[in-house]
Protein backbone atom coordinates (compact mmCIF):
# COMPACT_ATOMS: atom_id res chain seq x y z
CA UNK A 1 27.86 -33.13 -1.48
CA UNK A 2 24.54 -31.70 -2.71
CA UNK A 3 23.12 -32.03 0.82
CA UNK A 4 26.07 -30.11 2.27
CA UNK A 5 25.69 -27.31 -0.28
CA UNK A 6 21.96 -27.17 0.38
CA UNK A 7 22.55 -26.98 4.14
CA UNK A 8 25.08 -24.17 3.72
CA UNK A 9 22.65 -22.29 1.46
CA UNK A 10 19.85 -22.55 4.05
CA UNK A 11 22.22 -21.41 6.80
CA UNK A 12 23.35 -18.38 4.78
CA UNK A 13 19.77 -17.45 3.95
CA UNK A 14 18.94 -17.62 7.64
CA UNK A 15 21.79 -15.23 8.42
CA UNK A 16 20.64 -12.80 5.72
CA UNK A 17 17.02 -12.83 6.90
CA UNK A 18 18.05 -12.41 10.53
CA UNK A 19 20.35 -9.50 9.72
CA UNK A 20 17.41 -7.60 8.15
CA UNK A 21 15.76 -7.23 11.54
CA UNK A 22 17.63 -4.94 13.91
CA UNK A 23 17.14 -6.02 17.51
CA UNK A 24 18.55 -5.12 20.88
CA UNK A 25 19.46 -7.44 23.74
CA UNK A 26 15.79 -7.77 24.69
CA UNK A 27 14.88 -8.88 21.19
CA UNK A 28 12.94 -5.69 20.50
CA UNK A 29 13.03 -4.12 17.05
CA UNK A 30 15.24 -1.07 16.88
CA UNK A 31 13.17 0.39 14.07
CA UNK A 32 9.53 1.24 14.61
CA UNK A 33 6.97 1.13 11.81
CA UNK A 34 3.99 3.46 12.12
CA UNK A 35 1.04 4.11 9.84
CA UNK A 36 -1.12 7.20 10.32
CA UNK A 37 -3.89 9.01 8.46
CA UNK A 38 -3.19 12.32 6.79
CA UNK A 39 -4.61 15.46 8.33
CA UNK A 40 -4.69 16.24 12.03
CA UNK A 41 -3.25 12.92 13.33
CA UNK A 42 -0.19 12.96 11.08
CA UNK A 43 0.29 16.68 11.69
CA UNK A 44 0.50 16.15 15.45
CA UNK A 45 3.18 13.48 15.05
CA UNK A 46 5.13 15.19 12.27
CA UNK A 47 8.09 16.21 14.43
CA UNK A 48 8.40 12.67 15.78
CA UNK A 49 8.17 11.04 12.35
CA UNK A 50 10.62 13.39 10.61
CA UNK A 51 13.30 13.74 13.29
CA UNK A 52 13.45 10.17 14.56
CA UNK A 53 15.83 8.02 12.50
CA UNK A 54 14.47 4.86 14.13
CA UNK A 55 11.02 5.39 12.60
CA UNK A 56 9.57 4.20 9.32
CA UNK A 57 6.45 6.37 8.95
CA UNK A 58 3.68 5.90 6.42
CA UNK A 59 0.98 8.55 5.87
CA UNK A 60 -2.19 7.28 4.20
CA UNK A 61 -5.61 8.56 3.12
CA UNK A 62 -8.85 6.95 4.23
CA UNK A 63 -9.59 4.10 6.60
CA UNK A 64 -8.93 1.12 4.32
CA UNK A 65 -5.11 1.07 4.81
CA UNK A 66 -5.66 1.32 8.58
CA UNK A 67 -8.09 -1.60 8.60
CA UNK A 68 -5.60 -3.62 6.55
CA UNK A 69 -2.84 -2.80 9.05
CA UNK A 70 -4.98 -3.84 12.03
CA UNK A 71 -5.91 -7.08 10.25
CA UNK A 72 -2.45 -8.06 9.06
CA UNK A 73 -0.42 -6.75 12.00
CA UNK A 74 1.90 -5.10 9.48
CA UNK A 75 2.93 -2.14 11.68
CA UNK A 76 4.18 -1.73 15.22
CA UNK A 77 1.99 1.33 15.75
CA UNK A 78 -1.26 2.35 14.08
CA UNK A 79 -2.71 5.85 14.48
CA UNK A 80 -6.44 5.58 13.89
CA UNK A 81 -9.89 6.79 14.89
CA UNK A 82 -10.57 5.56 18.41
CA UNK A 83 -13.80 3.83 17.41
CA UNK A 84 -12.00 1.97 14.59
CA UNK A 85 -9.33 0.76 17.01
CA UNK A 86 -12.04 -0.41 19.41
CA UNK A 87 -13.81 -2.23 16.60
CA UNK A 88 -10.64 -3.97 15.42
CA UNK A 89 -9.79 -5.00 18.97
CA UNK A 90 -13.02 -7.02 18.98
CA UNK A 91 -11.65 -8.87 15.94
CA UNK A 92 -8.15 -9.93 16.99
CA UNK A 93 -7.10 -8.17 20.25
CA UNK A 94 -3.73 -7.42 18.66
CA UNK A 95 -3.49 -3.65 19.21
CA UNK A 96 -4.15 -1.71 22.42
CA UNK A 97 -4.87 1.99 22.87
CA UNK A 98 -1.83 3.84 24.19
CA UNK A 99 -3.15 7.40 24.16
CA UNK A 100 -5.91 9.41 22.56
CA UNK A 101 -4.31 12.63 21.35
CA UNK A 102 -6.78 14.25 18.91
CA UNK A 103 -9.78 15.49 20.86
CA UNK A 104 -11.83 16.86 18.00
CA UNK A 105 -11.00 18.91 14.92
CA UNK A 106 -14.48 19.56 13.53
CA UNK A 107 -16.17 22.87 12.73
CA UNK A 108 -19.30 24.20 11.12
CA UNK A 109 -18.47 26.81 8.51
CA UNK A 110 -20.66 29.24 6.60
CA UNK A 111 -20.19 32.37 4.52
CA UNK A 112 -23.45 33.64 6.07
CA UNK A 113 -23.77 34.66 9.74
CA UNK A 114 -23.82 31.65 12.05
CA UNK A 115 -23.97 32.54 15.72
CA UNK A 116 -25.18 29.36 17.41
CA UNK A 117 -26.00 25.74 16.71
CA UNK A 118 -29.71 26.60 16.71
CA UNK A 119 -29.12 28.81 13.67
CA UNK A 120 -29.06 25.55 11.70
CA UNK A 121 -32.82 25.24 12.08
CA UNK A 122 -34.45 24.77 8.69
CA UNK A 123 -31.07 24.63 6.93
CA UNK A 124 -29.16 22.00 4.97
CA UNK A 125 -25.70 21.07 6.21
CA UNK A 126 -23.20 19.37 3.93
CA UNK A 127 -21.15 16.87 5.94
CA UNK A 128 -18.42 14.35 5.19
CA UNK A 129 -17.49 11.01 6.73
CA UNK A 130 -20.86 9.30 6.86
CA UNK A 131 -20.98 6.74 9.71
CA UNK A 132 -17.60 7.98 11.00
CA UNK A 133 -16.60 10.58 13.60
CA UNK A 134 -17.89 13.73 11.81
CA UNK A 135 -21.27 12.09 11.27
CA UNK A 136 -21.44 10.68 14.80
CA UNK A 137 -20.69 14.06 16.36
CA UNK A 138 -23.27 15.84 14.21
CA UNK A 139 -25.94 13.20 14.84
CA UNK A 140 -25.33 13.37 18.60
CA UNK A 141 -25.66 17.16 18.59
CA UNK A 142 -28.80 17.05 16.43
CA UNK A 143 -30.34 14.51 18.78
CA UNK A 144 -29.53 16.82 21.68
CA UNK A 145 -31.05 19.81 19.86
CA UNK A 146 -34.26 17.96 19.07
CA UNK A 147 -36.20 21.22 18.79
CA UNK A 148 -34.56 22.13 15.47
CA UNK A 149 -34.88 20.53 12.03
CA UNK A 150 -31.74 20.09 9.95
CA UNK A 151 -31.17 18.27 6.67
CA UNK A 152 -27.77 16.59 6.38
CA UNK A 153 -26.31 15.82 2.96
CA UNK A 154 -23.10 13.83 2.64
CA UNK A 155 -20.04 14.17 0.42
CA UNK A 156 -16.98 11.97 0.18
CA UNK A 157 -14.45 14.04 2.11
CA UNK A 158 -13.65 17.37 3.74
CA UNK A 159 -12.03 18.72 0.56
CA UNK A 160 -15.29 18.29 -1.34
CA UNK A 161 -17.28 19.96 1.44
CA UNK A 162 -14.91 22.93 1.44
CA UNK A 163 -15.04 23.20 -2.35
CA UNK A 164 -18.85 23.34 -2.30
CA UNK A 165 -18.78 26.07 0.34
CA UNK A 166 -16.16 28.12 -1.49
CA UNK A 167 -18.09 27.79 -4.76
CA UNK A 168 -21.39 28.88 -3.25
CA UNK A 169 -22.99 25.45 -3.77
CA UNK A 170 -23.37 24.81 -0.04
CA UNK A 171 -24.47 27.30 2.60
CA UNK A 172 -23.16 25.43 5.67
CA UNK A 173 -20.63 22.61 5.83
CA UNK A 174 -18.94 20.44 8.40
CA UNK A 175 -15.22 20.99 7.94
CA UNK A 176 -12.05 20.06 9.79
CA UNK A 177 -8.54 21.20 10.57
CA UNK A 178 -6.11 21.77 9.02
CA UNK A 179 -8.17 22.20 5.81
CA UNK A 180 -10.56 24.74 7.33
CA UNK A 181 -7.65 27.08 8.13
CA UNK A 182 -6.75 27.15 4.43
CA UNK A 183 -10.34 28.12 3.62
CA UNK A 184 -10.42 30.78 6.35
CA UNK A 185 -7.33 32.39 4.84
CA UNK A 186 -9.31 33.02 1.64
CA UNK A 187 -12.89 33.59 2.82
CA UNK A 188 -14.67 35.50 5.56
CA UNK A 189 -16.38 32.64 7.39
CA UNK A 190 -18.65 32.20 10.38
CA UNK A 191 -17.35 29.28 12.43
CA UNK A 192 -18.90 27.15 15.16
CA UNK A 193 -16.51 24.93 17.12
CA UNK A 194 -18.19 21.53 17.40
CA UNK A 195 -15.88 20.63 20.27
CA UNK A 196 -17.41 23.48 22.28
CA UNK A 197 -20.89 22.24 21.36
CA UNK A 198 -19.95 18.74 22.50
CA UNK A 199 -18.70 20.10 25.82
CA UNK A 200 -21.97 21.99 26.38
CA UNK A 201 -23.94 18.81 25.66
CA UNK A 202 -21.91 16.28 27.63
CA UNK A 203 -19.91 18.16 30.23
CA UNK A 204 -16.80 16.49 28.77
CA UNK A 205 -14.16 18.74 27.29
CA UNK A 206 -14.37 16.97 23.93
CA UNK A 207 -14.58 13.56 22.28
CA UNK A 208 -11.77 11.06 21.67
CA UNK A 209 -11.25 11.25 17.93
CA UNK A 210 -7.89 9.66 17.12
CA UNK A 211 -5.41 7.67 19.15
CA UNK A 212 -2.14 5.74 19.09
CA UNK A 213 -2.53 1.96 18.99
CA UNK A 214 0.46 -0.26 19.69
CA UNK A 215 0.91 -3.96 19.01
CA UNK A 216 0.26 -5.68 22.32
CA UNK A 217 3.06 -8.24 21.88
CA UNK A 218 5.78 -5.56 21.94
CA UNK A 219 4.52 -3.21 24.65
CA UNK A 220 6.97 -4.47 27.28
CA UNK A 221 10.10 -3.75 25.26
CA UNK A 222 12.09 -0.73 26.41
CA UNK A 223 12.65 0.47 22.86
CA UNK A 224 8.90 0.61 22.21
CA UNK A 225 8.22 2.32 25.53
CA UNK A 226 10.81 4.96 24.70
CA UNK A 227 9.29 5.51 21.26
CA UNK A 228 5.81 5.94 22.71
CA UNK A 229 7.17 8.51 25.14
CA UNK A 230 8.76 10.39 22.24
CA UNK A 231 5.42 10.41 20.42
CA UNK A 232 3.75 11.85 23.48
CA UNK A 233 6.42 14.54 23.77
CA UNK A 234 6.03 15.46 20.09
CA UNK A 235 2.30 15.96 20.56
CA UNK A 236 2.86 18.15 23.60
CA UNK A 237 5.47 20.12 21.66
CA UNK A 238 3.04 20.62 18.76
CA UNK A 239 0.95 22.79 21.08
CA UNK A 240 3.93 24.57 22.56
CA UNK A 241 5.90 25.09 19.33
CA UNK A 242 3.48 25.06 16.36
CA UNK A 243 6.12 26.60 14.08
CA UNK A 244 8.40 23.60 14.54
CA UNK A 245 5.53 21.17 14.07
CA UNK A 246 4.45 22.91 10.86
CA UNK A 247 8.00 22.91 9.48
CA UNK A 248 8.29 19.17 10.05
CA UNK A 249 4.84 18.49 8.59
CA UNK A 250 5.77 20.18 5.32
CA UNK A 251 8.69 17.77 5.10
CA UNK A 252 6.60 14.76 6.12
CA UNK A 253 3.91 14.72 3.43
CA UNK A 254 2.91 16.53 0.24
CA UNK A 255 -0.59 17.32 1.58
CA UNK A 256 0.98 19.50 4.27
CA UNK A 257 3.36 21.10 1.79
CA UNK A 258 0.32 22.05 -0.31
CA UNK A 259 -1.37 23.70 2.66
CA UNK A 260 1.83 25.55 3.55
CA UNK A 261 3.55 26.30 6.83
CA UNK A 262 1.58 29.48 7.61
CA UNK A 263 -1.78 27.70 7.36
CA UNK A 264 -0.54 24.79 9.48
CA UNK A 265 0.70 27.12 12.22
CA UNK A 266 -2.75 28.69 12.30
CA UNK A 267 -4.46 25.28 12.35
CA UNK A 268 -2.49 23.54 15.08
CA UNK A 269 -4.07 25.33 18.08
CA UNK A 270 -7.48 24.31 16.73
CA UNK A 271 -6.62 20.63 16.34
CA UNK A 272 -7.22 20.04 20.07
CA UNK A 273 -4.12 17.97 20.74
CA UNK A 274 -4.09 16.76 24.32
CA UNK A 275 -2.62 13.92 26.36
CA UNK A 276 -4.59 12.77 29.40
CA UNK A 277 -3.26 10.61 32.18
CA UNK A 278 -6.24 8.33 31.59
CA UNK A 279 -8.76 8.57 28.76
CA UNK A 280 -10.72 5.40 29.51
CA UNK A 281 -13.78 7.20 30.89
CA UNK A 282 -14.02 9.59 27.92
CA UNK A 283 -13.52 6.77 25.41
CA UNK A 284 -16.17 4.58 27.01
CA UNK A 285 -18.61 7.51 27.14
CA UNK A 286 -18.06 8.22 23.45
CA UNK A 287 -18.41 4.58 22.42
CA UNK A 288 -21.55 4.20 24.51
CA UNK A 289 -22.99 7.26 22.76
CA UNK A 290 -22.20 5.64 19.42
CA UNK A 291 -24.20 2.60 20.44
CA UNK A 292 -27.07 4.75 21.64
CA UNK A 293 -27.14 6.53 18.27
CA UNK A 294 -27.19 3.27 16.31
CA UNK A 295 -23.52 3.22 15.30
CA UNK A 296 -22.69 -0.08 17.01
CA UNK A 297 -21.14 -1.58 13.89
CA UNK A 298 -18.64 1.27 13.73
CA UNK A 299 -17.23 0.55 17.20
CA UNK A 300 -17.46 -3.21 17.59
CA UNK A 301 -20.86 -3.63 19.22
CA UNK A 302 -19.80 -3.45 22.87
CA UNK A 303 -17.56 -1.44 25.15
CA UNK A 304 -13.95 -2.63 25.17
CA UNK A 305 -12.55 -4.62 28.07
CA UNK A 306 -9.91 -3.15 30.38
CA UNK A 307 -7.15 -4.94 28.43
CA UNK A 308 -7.92 -2.68 25.47
CA UNK A 309 -6.16 0.14 27.32
CA UNK A 310 -2.36 0.23 27.42
């Protein structure tokens, strides 16, 4: 009798566990879990995350939660810096790059006149994100402009850099959207678009900063394909309808609510959202530049194989 009761209990538990996962006829999950960093990446996907009832979206700060997600396979989709995704692919080959959609959101800002990159000569620049994209872009540009001398000092994040500039404790900072738009609404700033500087240096329109990575094991399911298409459409719509994107962002996360809709609308055109038919060449160029600059550890040590691309 005890064996029968035990068997029935196990059967019922199996039914309960199975019922917690919604699947379609193909066995694909009908709810998609996505983790994305705050700032420009989450802003671009705000409309998708807020309006789609089939999405469980998580907005996080810093890279540690993203690394944990790549390692554990906890999410269907991870939005992350392209170099981080390439690095994690070298570890477990579990997530592939669907699309790069943030093509640079970095700017030099100063309360003093700043007309060209060469105006940095002899100056100190306060930067954030040491060994990550902001640092890599600045180091590449400084290497290109080898005829000038610039001292780079690092702070923990873009908010600290902006605070130092606003308080007169830094003359020039590396900043980023959407935070820089908040600062511009309060201060009269000279701005240099680092994406433009990158284009002058490389001939490429910009650099692949953040992308959408999808778990390789589910890429063939129709539900996932449809969700990825909706993400792509949301990014395109962010450029075409920044008011809608900003409205959704305010609902998505408190950091956007703090910035406010008006600031976000102003920031969106400067976030350089773009979807390319193929971004392999640009990604490989960027990763190769990272290796050339001594940032191999930050991208996995070698260029990704073709299977890295969706």
